[in-house]
Amino acid sequence: MASPHPARAARTTGLTLLVLGVTSAVALTGCGGGTTDEKGEAGTDTPASASPRGAVTRAQAAKIVDNYAAVNSKANRTRNTRLLSTVEGGQLHEQSKADHKTFGTWTKEDQSAYAKPFSYRDRTYYIPAGEDWFAVRATADGSKTPALLVFDKEGGAWKLMSAVHTDTPIPAVDTGNSGLATAVSPATRVGKLAPNDVSAAFEDLYETGGTKAGAGISHTTAPAEAALKLHKERDKGGLSKWATKKYFAKKPAHRTTYALRLADGGVLAVVPTAHTQETLLKPQYMSSFQITPNKEESVYNPEKRPLVTDTFQGTTLTTLPKSGKPSVIASAYRMTDSE
């Protein structure tokens, strides 16, 4: 399971002149958990003859969540990625694979926390009518930060496809008279953008500082401000004297967007996203310097090189109002490759 912590900051690199090298420290994260308490605001058990219907009842959803937590806990003890793949997919599994791969660079404290068994508490189920997926708002053991979890079928098995933790309250989802949620097509425009447009808009904050597609979303949420700060400070400190740093939007490894109608008529969307961070030596230093990758980058490629390209796979939790700009209220990224 990917950590409940928010988006990782881009990593710094070291610079080598002749045989000298410097590697930077890396911030690390662990895994959270919870209990099996349930709330009944959405996804009530529906008789087989009733209409409309969701993919599962609330009781069935609870068992799926419990099974995920149990298998995940077992897999995390030994970083058994294959076992984890039986209950996890999508962008979340891309992030978990990165966690398993970089586990050796973590502190002992973070490693110990990651290996602890967990489950989820304070659950609210959002089961959309007529769809083959469902979502759960839940909080992990030892955490005060809830997450929105999305389960979907992959290869015939229920898997957790995304888990985005947020300090911003998750708005009320419309469950109507049936107790079931209403799914919204990701291609449907809501206010300024459609859910499918959010990834390009959010990544533009990293790439251009929000001057292009990013102009269509709010710049005042914590994730947006963090992305804008990385763009603004890309050529300050660190290796800025010797190298340039740029960000480029990238197609996510998994592209399915999940969207639910909110009680106020807006939409809550879970959107996959991705970008690369490229650190390149300036021409005048190419003949004398090499960039030394940091610990996390070195897991993927330990070679000193003039260009370091890091890939970050992520997911955002976004609200799209009926009018006005969408707001990315939470995001989570992992470095999944470095070349």
Foldseek 3Di string as FASTA:
>chain_A
DAFQDFAADDAFFWKDFPHDIDFDAGDDAAHFAADQAEDQLFQAADDPPDPFDFQDGPVVVSVLQVVLLVQQLVCLLQVPLVSNVLAADALVSLNSNLCSLLVVSDDPVRSVRRNHRHHWHPKYKATATPDQKIWIWTDTPPDPWIWIWIWHDDPNGIHTHDIWTFPDDDAAFDRDPVRHWHWDPQCDQAAQGRVLLVQVLQQVCQAPVRPPSVVQADCPAPSNVSSNVCNVCQLPDRCNVFKGKGKAWDQAPGFDKTWTQGPQRWIKIKGKTKMKIKIATDPVCQVGMWIQYHSSQVSQPRDTHRMKIWIKIKIFIWIGHNHGGIYGRGMYIHGSHID
